Amino acid sequence: MRLRFLHAADLHLDTPFRGLARHEPDLAGVLRDASLDAFDTLVDTALREKVTFCVFAGDIYDGVSRGVRAQLRFRDGLARLSQAGVASFVVHGNHDPTDGWSSIDSWPDLVHHFGPHRVGSRPVVCDGRTVATVSGISFATRHEDRNLAAMFPPVEGPGLHVALLHTHLRGVAGGSDHGRYAAAGPDDLTNAGYHYWALGHIHTRSTIPLGAGTMAVYPGNLQGRGFRSSETGPKGVVIVEFDPDAPQQLRPGDVSFRACDRVRFETVTLDCGGSEGVTMDLLADRLTEAAARSPEDRLRIIRGTVVGGGPVHDLLAPPGRLEELTEALRDRARRAADHLHWDRVEDLTAAGIDIAALREGDDIVSDLVSMVDHRVASPDPIAGLPLPEPPPSLRALKPAGEAAADRDLIITARDLALEILLDRFR
């Protein structure tokens, strides 16, 4: 017998999207409802997939003030699940710690919130037998500095054992975007015998095999909130299939993603390096093509980046040109009624620069070129650089973490810096 459960985290219900909503009033209503509509889709998904239970790994709300609308929507959704016989287990994280304000006096029968003082455990009973046990603990305050993972006791009893926790797991992709609350290491997750660690806090979806029949999973957040790498692309929940009679056989392949987002943030990059005869209508055509997807029942918000050198740099240089291009793209999208909105277009092109001639100089410009030459020639071009994660406009050029990609990023940064220096000092 194989069963299913749903794992969600970082719902951030009723996220205000203040920046986008302020600058794009036509989007304000859609954005304000996006996280709540995504939660309704989560409930629909759980019912359609016939899951036995759901786990929610913290940051249900966007702040300790916990707006009434968000709390009521969450309670009503869990009531729908409870009426269908689906149990829900909830922990709270740094955005919704247990010391925050609550407007809910009682919850549906099959809902359990884990407290902050010790790890609690609750069985999941199906057809008269325990098929799983969920254990969890919540944040007591926003700035939780306890290693909560180390507090989980060894497992006891039959069935699948799920550990539910909001935590910063060291070394996981996307962690640099988030505070290191309740930080833990992989070793903290392998000692107690849990089969599945249902984690929240890091918004990048990832599955981390831990060995010895144990894995940890971040499902990512339910609804993207901007153009950070951890916020772009499909967002939703994971469905986990398991055999309660052989829980130790759980594998990463048993974890599958289901999109629930109502608004999707995406980035597209157009490389016009060396292109001759570039015109504004050609740029608009190529950006439109780069953003094209099959029609979907969700709004897509796109940020474009133009890179390269040569004529395209001069084409985009005049003041107001990027704004004109962005508005033209928005007009096209409106007329096509394709559920797409252009946030803006960024210019990361570089003027035609004779790097060989600059190397021969004896000034700050030649020093910069020489420093970058040394970096690019090394096996690890960013070794020893205390750099933050690149901004989305640079990060979109190529995936980070590979030497070739790092060289491209450094060269792009060099060309941008040279343009500023040459314009100012020559």
Protein backbone atom coordinates (compact mmCIF):
# COMPACT_ATOMS: atom_id res chain seq x y z
CA MET A 1 0.00 0.00 0.00
CA ARG A 2 1.41 3.38 -1.05
CA LEU A 3 0.16 6.63 0.46
CA ARG A 4 0.82 10.29 -0.21
CA PHE A 5 1.35 13.43 1.82
CA LEU A 6 1.77 17.07 0.83
CA HIS A 7 4.68 19.20 2.05
CA ALA A 8 4.45 23.01 1.82
CA ALA A 9 6.43 25.84 3.39
CA ASP A 10 6.82 29.61 3.31
CA LEU A 11 3.29 30.46 2.27
CA HIS A 12 3.71 34.12 3.35
CA LEU A 13 -0.04 34.58 3.08
CA ASP A 14 -1.22 38.07 2.14
CA THR A 15 2.24 39.26 1.07
CA PRO A 16 1.70 42.94 0.15
CA PHE A 17 4.14 43.23 -2.82
CA ARG A 18 4.55 46.87 -1.83
CA GLY A 19 7.14 47.84 -4.45
CA LEU A 20 5.48 46.34 -7.52
CA ALA A 21 1.98 47.26 -6.39
CA ARG A 22 3.02 50.88 -5.82
CA HIS A 23 4.60 51.28 -9.25
CA GLU A 24 2.07 49.17 -11.17
CA PRO A 25 -1.40 49.98 -9.79
CA ASP A 26 -3.10 47.77 -12.40
CA LEU A 27 -1.33 44.79 -10.87
CA ALA A 28 -1.97 45.68 -7.23
CA GLY A 29 -5.15 43.63 -6.81
CA VAL A 30 -3.77 40.56 -8.61
CA LEU A 31 -0.55 40.64 -6.60
CA ARG A 32 -2.29 41.19 -3.27
CA ASP A 33 -4.46 38.10 -3.83
CA ALA A 34 -1.68 35.96 -5.34
CA SER A 35 -0.49 34.21 -2.18
CA LEU A 36 -4.04 33.55 -0.99
CA ASP A 37 -5.11 32.20 -4.38
CA ALA A 38 -2.01 30.01 -4.42
CA PHE A 39 -3.07 28.56 -1.06
CA ASP A 40 -6.51 27.76 -2.45
CA THR A 41 -4.73 25.90 -5.25
CA LEU A 42 -2.68 24.04 -2.64
CA VAL A 43 -5.87 22.79 -0.98
CA ASP A 44 -7.33 21.79 -4.35
CA THR A 45 -4.11 19.92 -5.13
CA ALA A 46 -4.17 18.03 -1.82
CA LEU A 47 -7.76 16.92 -2.42
CA ARG A 48 -7.15 16.00 -6.05
CA GLU A 49 -4.03 13.99 -5.17
CA LYS A 50 -5.92 12.23 -2.34
CA VAL A 51 -3.17 12.83 0.19
CA THR A 52 -3.44 11.32 3.66
CA PHE A 53 -2.01 14.37 5.44
CA CYS A 54 -0.33 17.75 4.87
CA VAL A 55 2.66 19.32 6.62
CA PHE A 56 3.35 23.08 6.70
CA ALA A 57 6.94 23.99 7.57
CA GLY A 58 6.61 27.54 8.86
CA ASP A 59 6.23 31.13 7.66
CA ILE A 60 2.56 30.59 7.04
CA TYR A 61 2.03 34.34 7.36
CA ASP A 62 4.23 37.19 6.20
CA GLY A 63 4.75 38.84 9.59
CA VAL A 64 4.02 38.61 13.28
CA SER A 65 1.06 40.97 12.85
CA ARG A 66 -0.69 38.18 10.90
CA GLY A 67 -3.52 39.96 9.12
CA VAL A 68 -7.01 38.69 9.81
CA ARG A 69 -7.57 37.97 6.12
CA ALA A 70 -4.55 35.67 5.96
CA GLN A 71 -5.44 33.81 9.16
CA LEU A 72 -9.04 33.24 8.16
CA ARG A 73 -8.05 32.04 4.70
CA PHE A 74 -5.60 29.56 6.24
CA ARG A 75 -8.14 28.29 8.74
CA ASP A 76 -10.81 27.93 6.07
CA GLY A 77 -8.47 25.98 3.82
CA LEU A 78 -7.51 23.61 6.62
CA ALA A 79 -11.20 23.18 7.38
CA ARG A 80 -11.76 21.98 3.82
CA LEU A 81 -8.97 19.45 4.28
CA SER A 82 -10.26 18.34 7.65
CA GLN A 83 -13.77 17.80 6.28
CA ALA A 84 -12.24 15.50 3.66
CA GLY A 85 -10.43 13.51 6.36
CA VAL A 86 -6.99 15.04 5.63
CA ALA A 87 -4.91 15.89 8.71
CA SER A 88 -2.70 19.00 8.76
CA PHE A 89 0.42 19.59 10.87
CA VAL A 90 1.86 23.09 11.29
CA VAL A 91 5.03 24.64 12.68
CA HIS A 92 5.86 28.34 12.79
CA GLY A 93 9.04 30.08 11.66
CA ASN A 94 10.76 33.46 11.85
CA HIS A 95 7.94 35.35 10.06
CA ASP A 96 5.16 33.85 12.20
CA PRO A 97 6.65 32.81 15.56
CA THR A 98 4.34 31.66 18.31
CA ASP A 99 4.66 34.97 20.20
CA GLY A 100 2.80 36.77 17.39
CA TRP A 101 -0.80 37.94 17.44
CA SER A 102 -3.56 35.48 16.59
CA SER A 103 -7.22 36.02 15.72
CA ILE A 104 -8.10 32.30 15.65
CA ASP A 105 -9.51 30.78 18.84
CA SER A 106 -10.03 27.23 17.57
CA TRP A 107 -8.90 25.12 14.65
CA PRO A 108 -10.54 22.22 12.79
CA ASP A 109 -10.36 18.80 14.44
CA LEU A 110 -7.62 17.36 12.22
CA VAL A 111 -5.24 20.31 12.57
CA HIS A 112 -2.30 20.28 14.96
CA HIS A 113 0.08 23.19 15.67
CA PHE A 114 3.37 22.22 17.29
CA GLY A 115 4.55 24.45 20.14
CA PRO A 116 7.96 26.08 20.72
CA HIS A 117 9.15 24.51 23.96
CA ARG A 118 9.80 20.91 22.98
CA VAL A 119 9.44 18.61 20.02
CA GLY A 120 5.94 17.12 19.89
CA SER A 121 4.78 14.06 17.97
CA ARG A 122 1.42 13.06 16.51
CA PRO A 123 0.45 9.81 14.76
CA VAL A 124 -1.30 9.62 11.41
CA VAL A 125 -3.86 6.82 11.60
CA CYS A 126 -5.32 5.24 8.48
CA ASP A 127 -7.76 2.30 8.57
CA GLY A 128 -7.06 1.75 12.25
CA ARG A 129 -3.26 1.64 12.11
CA THR A 130 -0.45 4.15 12.40
CA VAL A 131 0.99 4.79 8.94
CA ALA A 132 3.15 7.77 9.88
CA THR A 133 4.23 9.95 12.78
CA VAL A 134 4.86 13.69 12.39
CA SER A 135 7.16 15.40 14.89
CA GLY A 136 7.77 19.13 15.01
CA ILE A 137 8.67 22.28 16.90
CA SER A 138 7.95 25.97 16.25
CA PHE A 139 9.97 29.17 16.64
CA ALA A 140 9.35 30.83 19.99
CA THR A 141 10.47 34.24 18.67
CA ARG A 142 11.48 35.67 15.32
CA HIS A 143 15.20 35.48 16.03
CA GLU A 144 15.35 31.83 16.98
CA ASP A 145 18.95 30.88 17.76
CA ARG A 146 18.42 27.38 19.15
CA ASN A 147 19.51 24.39 17.09
CA LEU A 148 16.01 22.96 16.91
CA ALA A 149 17.05 20.03 14.71
CA ALA A 150 19.29 18.71 17.48
CA MET A 151 16.28 18.61 19.85
CA PHE A 152 14.40 15.91 17.92
CA PRO A 153 14.32 12.63 19.90
CA PRO A 154 15.03 9.22 18.34
CA VAL A 155 12.09 7.78 16.43
CA GLU A 156 9.84 5.13 17.93
CA GLY A 157 7.00 3.12 16.45
CA PRO A 158 5.95 1.90 13.01
CA GLY A 159 5.39 3.73 9.73
CA LEU A 160 7.04 6.73 8.13
CA HIS A 161 8.62 9.26 10.50
CA VAL A 162 8.45 12.89 9.35
CA ALA A 163 10.36 15.70 11.10
CA LEU A 164 8.72 19.10 10.52
CA LEU A 165 10.99 22.10 10.98
CA HIS A 166 11.73 25.66 9.87
CA THR A 167 15.52 25.95 9.72
CA HIS A 168 18.55 27.23 7.87
CA LEU A 169 20.36 24.07 6.78
CA ARG A 170 23.97 24.99 6.15
CA GLY A 171 25.34 24.42 2.66
CA VAL A 172 21.99 24.28 0.84
CA ALA A 173 21.52 26.16 -2.44
CA GLY A 174 19.70 29.45 -2.02
CA GLY A 175 20.58 29.82 1.65
CA SER A 176 22.41 33.11 1.15
CA ASP A 177 19.06 34.83 0.54
CA HIS A 178 17.80 34.01 4.04
CA GLY A 179 18.69 34.64 7.67
CA ARG A 180 20.49 31.90 9.55
CA TYR A 181 17.74 31.23 12.07
CA ALA A 182 17.69 27.90 13.95
CA ALA A 183 20.73 26.91 11.91
CA ALA A 184 21.61 23.23 11.67
CA GLY A 185 24.03 20.99 9.83
CA PRO A 186 23.31 17.77 7.92
CA ASP A 187 24.67 15.70 10.82
CA ASP A 188 21.93 17.07 13.07
CA LEU A 189 19.38 15.49 10.72
CA THR A 190 20.84 12.01 10.49
CA ASN A 191 21.18 10.91 14.10
CA ALA A 192 17.57 10.42 15.21
CA GLY A 193 16.34 8.08 12.47
CA TYR A 194 13.71 10.22 10.73
CA HIS A 195 12.95 9.16 7.19
CA TYR A 196 11.89 12.58 5.87
CA TRP A 197 12.80 16.06 7.09
CA ALA A 198 10.07 18.44 5.92
CA LEU A 199 11.90 21.76 6.00
CA GLY A 200 10.99 25.39 5.42
CA HIS A 201 12.77 28.77 5.33
CA ILE A 202 14.91 28.54 2.16
CA HIS A 203 12.79 29.43 -0.86
CA THR A 204 14.83 27.43 -3.39
CA ARG A 205 13.33 23.98 -3.95
CA SER A 206 15.81 21.20 -3.23
CA THR A 207 16.01 17.57 -2.16
CA ILE A 208 19.01 16.61 -0.04
CA PRO A 209 19.78 12.87 0.33
CA LEU A 210 21.33 12.36 3.76
CA GLY A 211 22.12 8.65 3.52
CA ALA A 212 20.93 5.80 5.70
CA GLY A 213 17.34 6.06 4.44
CA THR A 214 17.01 9.76 5.30
CA MET A 215 16.37 12.81 3.13
CA ALA A 216 15.65 16.49 3.69
CA VAL A 217 13.44 18.53 1.37
CA TYR A 218 12.79 22.23 0.92
CA PRO A 219 9.69 22.57 -1.29
CA GLY A 220 10.41 26.25 -1.91
CA ASN A 221 7.87 28.97 -1.24
CA LEU A 222 4.30 28.72 -2.43
CA GLN A 223 4.25 32.00 -4.38
CA GLY A 224 7.23 33.88 -5.80
CA ARG A 225 7.70 37.44 -4.56
CA GLY A 226 10.23 39.10 -6.88
CA PHE A 227 13.34 38.64 -9.01
CA ARG A 228 15.81 37.09 -6.60
CA SER A 229 16.99 33.72 -7.85
CA SER A 230 15.13 32.06 -4.97
CA GLU A 231 11.86 33.76 -6.01
CA THR A 232 11.80 33.19 -9.77
CA GLY A 233 10.37 30.27 -11.72
CA PRO A 234 7.62 27.78 -10.78
CA LYS A 235 6.55 27.75 -7.13
CA GLY A 236 4.31 25.36 -5.21
CA VAL A 237 4.42 22.21 -3.09
CA VAL A 238 5.79 18.69 -3.21
CA ILE A 239 3.84 15.43 -3.06
CA VAL A 240 5.60 12.54 -1.37
CA GLU A 241 4.67 8.91 -1.99
CA PHE A 242 5.63 6.35 0.65
CA ASP A 243 5.03 2.79 1.77
CA PRO A 244 4.19 2.74 5.49
CA ASP A 245 5.38 -0.88 5.66
CA ALA A 246 8.78 -0.02 4.16
CA PRO A 247 9.47 3.64 5.03
CA GLN A 248 13.23 3.11 4.84
CA GLN A 249 12.85 2.67 1.08
CA LEU A 250 11.82 6.30 0.57
CA ARG A 251 13.87 7.80 -2.27
CA PRO A 252 14.23 11.25 -3.91
CA GLY A 253 12.26 9.91 -6.86
CA ASP A 254 9.22 9.61 -4.57
CA VAL A 255 9.14 13.42 -4.22
CA SER A 256 7.42 15.33 -7.03
CA PHE A 257 6.63 19.01 -7.52
CA ARG A 258 3.20 20.57 -8.10
CA ALA A 259 2.97 24.23 -9.18
CA CYS A 260 0.47 26.36 -7.21
CA ASP A 261 1.63 29.91 -7.92
CA ARG A 262 -0.77 32.43 -9.42
CA VAL A 263 1.88 34.98 -10.45
CA ARG A 264 5.27 33.83 -11.76
CA PHE A 265 8.42 35.94 -11.83
CA GLU A 266 10.85 35.18 -14.65
CA THR A 267 14.00 36.67 -16.18
CA VAL A 268 15.10 36.56 -19.81
CA THR A 269 18.52 37.54 -21.18
CA LEU A 270 19.18 38.64 -24.75
CA ASP A 271 22.81 38.56 -25.96
CA CYS A 272 23.35 41.02 -28.81
CA GLY A 273 27.14 40.92 -28.76
CA GLY A 274 28.57 41.61 -32.20
CA SER A 275 25.17 42.06 -33.82
CA GLU A 276 25.15 44.54 -36.69
CA GLY A 277 22.10 46.48 -37.78
CA VAL A 278 20.30 46.13 -34.45
CA THR A 279 17.11 48.19 -34.28
CA MET A 280 14.56 48.82 -31.58
CA ASP A 281 11.89 46.78 -33.35
CA LEU A 282 14.32 43.86 -33.70
CA LEU A 283 15.16 44.08 -29.98
CA ALA A 284 11.46 44.10 -29.12
CA ASP A 285 10.84 41.10 -31.40
CA ARG A 286 13.69 39.08 -29.89
CA LEU A 287 12.74 39.89 -26.31
CA THR A 288 9.12 38.96 -27.04
CA GLU A 289 10.29 35.67 -28.54
CA ALA A 290 12.57 34.97 -25.56
CA ALA A 291 9.63 35.46 -23.18
CA ALA A 292 7.21 33.35 -25.21
CA ARG A 293 5.63 30.32 -23.52
CA SER A 294 2.56 28.23 -24.09
CA PRO A 295 -0.53 29.94 -22.62
CA GLU A 296 -0.92 29.35 -18.89
CA ASP A 297 -3.62 30.34 -16.44
CA ARG A 298 -1.33 32.60 -14.43
CA LEU A 299 0.23 36.02 -14.76
CA ARG A 300 3.92 36.04 -15.68
CA ILE A 301 6.01 39.08 -14.76
CA ILE A 302 9.17 39.33 -16.84
CA ARG A 303 12.38 41.26 -16.34
CA GLY A 304 14.58 41.44 -19.43
CA THR A 305 18.32 42.03 -19.66
CA VAL A 306 20.20 42.99 -22.82
CA VAL A 307 23.91 42.08 -22.84
CA GLY A 308 26.76 42.21 -25.35
CA GLY A 309 28.69 45.01 -26.97
CA GLY A 310 28.88 47.04 -30.13
CA PRO A 311 26.02 48.91 -31.82
CA VAL A 312 23.36 47.77 -29.38
CA HIS A 313 25.09 49.75 -26.62
CA ASP A 314 24.72 53.03 -28.50
CA LEU A 315 21.13 52.14 -29.42
CA LEU A 316 20.09 51.82 -25.76
CA ALA A 317 22.23 54.66 -24.36
CA PRO A 318 19.91 57.69 -24.91
CA PRO A 319 17.94 58.70 -21.79
CA GLY A 320 14.48 57.20 -21.69
CA ARG A 321 15.20 54.58 -24.39
CA LEU A 322 14.85 51.59 -22.03
CA GLU A 323 11.58 52.95 -20.64
CA GLU A 324 10.25 53.33 -24.19
CA LEU A 325 11.25 49.75 -25.03
CA THR A 326 9.63 48.45 -21.84
CA GLU A 327 6.37 50.28 -22.54
CA ALA A 328 6.33 48.95 -26.11
CA LEU A 329 6.72 45.40 -24.78
CA ARG A 330 3.91 45.98 -22.29
CA ASP A 331 1.67 47.27 -25.05
CA ARG A 332 2.36 44.17 -27.14
CA ALA A 333 1.57 41.91 -24.20
CA ARG A 334 -1.68 43.76 -23.47
CA ARG A 335 -2.84 43.50 -27.07
CA ALA A 336 -1.93 39.81 -27.21
CA ALA A 337 -3.78 39.15 -23.92
CA ASP A 338 -1.13 36.57 -23.05
CA HIS A 339 -1.09 36.94 -19.22
CA LEU A 340 2.33 38.60 -19.36
CA HIS A 341 3.64 41.87 -17.90
CA TRP A 342 7.09 43.35 -18.47
CA ASP A 343 8.57 44.71 -15.26
CA ARG A 344 11.46 46.45 -17.00
CA VAL A 345 14.37 45.97 -19.38
CA GLU A 346 17.91 46.41 -18.05
CA ASP A 347 20.88 47.45 -20.15
CA LEU A 348 24.10 45.53 -19.39
CA THR A 349 25.66 46.12 -22.79
CA ALA A 350 29.17 47.53 -23.06
CA ALA A 351 30.64 50.06 -25.46
CA GLY A 352 33.18 48.86 -28.00
CA ILE A 353 36.38 48.81 -25.96
CA ASP A 354 39.87 47.94 -27.26
CA ILE A 355 41.05 45.78 -24.36
CA ALA A 356 44.45 45.12 -25.97
CA ALA A 357 45.20 48.84 -26.18
CA LEU A 358 44.08 49.43 -22.60
CA ARG A 359 46.49 46.74 -21.35
CA GLU A 360 49.43 48.79 -22.63
CA GLY A 361 48.59 51.80 -20.49
CA ASP A 362 50.00 52.80 -17.11
CA ASP A 363 47.00 53.94 -15.11
CA ILE A 364 44.02 52.72 -13.13
CA VAL A 365 42.34 51.45 -16.30
CA SER A 366 45.25 49.18 -17.25
CA ASP A 367 45.50 48.03 -13.62
CA LEU A 368 41.85 46.96 -13.74
CA VAL A 369 42.35 45.08 -17.01
CA SER A 370 45.45 43.31 -15.63
CA MET A 371 43.65 42.32 -12.42
CA VAL A 372 40.76 40.83 -14.38
CA ASP A 373 43.19 39.05 -16.75
CA HIS A 374 44.78 37.38 -13.74
CA ARG A 375 41.41 36.33 -12.36
CA VAL A 376 40.11 34.97 -15.64
CA ALA A 377 43.28 32.92 -16.18
CA SER A 378 43.04 31.17 -12.81
CA PRO A 379 41.28 27.78 -12.35
CA ASP A 380 38.88 29.31 -9.82
CA PRO A 381 38.33 32.94 -10.92
CA ILE A 382 36.35 34.01 -7.83
CA ALA A 383 38.47 32.24 -5.18
CA GLY A 384 39.03 34.49 -2.18
CA LEU A 385 36.65 37.22 -3.32
CA PRO A 386 34.22 38.15 -0.49
CA LEU A 387 31.42 38.73 -2.96
CA PRO A 388 27.68 38.59 -2.29
CA GLU A 389 25.45 36.68 -4.66
CA PRO A 390 25.44 38.52 -8.02
CA PRO A 391 22.37 40.66 -8.75
CA PRO A 392 19.72 39.02 -10.96
CA SER A 393 20.80 41.01 -14.00
CA LEU A 394 24.30 39.49 -13.87
CA ARG A 395 23.27 36.12 -12.47
CA ALA A 396 20.89 35.64 -15.39
CA LEU A 397 23.77 35.47 -17.84
CA LYS A 398 24.76 31.94 -16.90
CA PRO A 399 24.27 29.61 -13.93
CA ALA A 400 26.63 30.36 -11.07
CA GLY A 401 29.08 27.89 -9.60
CA GLU A 402 31.00 26.94 -12.79
CA ALA A 403 34.39 28.42 -13.72
CA ALA A 404 33.25 29.40 -17.24
CA ALA A 405 30.17 31.13 -15.85
CA ASP A 406 32.23 32.94 -13.21
CA ARG A 407 34.61 34.18 -15.92
CA ASP A 408 31.70 35.54 -17.95
CA LEU A 409 30.38 37.38 -14.91
CA ILE A 410 33.79 38.90 -14.14
CA ILE A 411 34.32 40.01 -17.75
CA THR A 412 30.87 41.59 -17.86
CA ALA A 413 31.61 43.44 -14.61
CA ARG A 414 34.98 44.54 -16.02
CA ASP A 415 33.40 46.00 -19.15
CA LEU A 416 30.80 47.91 -17.13
CA ALA A 417 33.51 49.32 -14.84
CA LEU A 418 35.71 50.27 -17.80
CA GLU A 419 32.85 52.13 -19.42
CA ILE A 420 32.37 54.23 -16.29
CA LEU A 421 36.12 54.89 -15.88
CA LEU A 422 36.68 55.79 -19.52
CA ASP A 423 33.71 58.12 -19.52
CA ARG A 424 34.91 59.90 -16.36
CA PHE A 425 38.67 60.09 -16.77
CA ARG A 426 39.28 60.20 -20.54
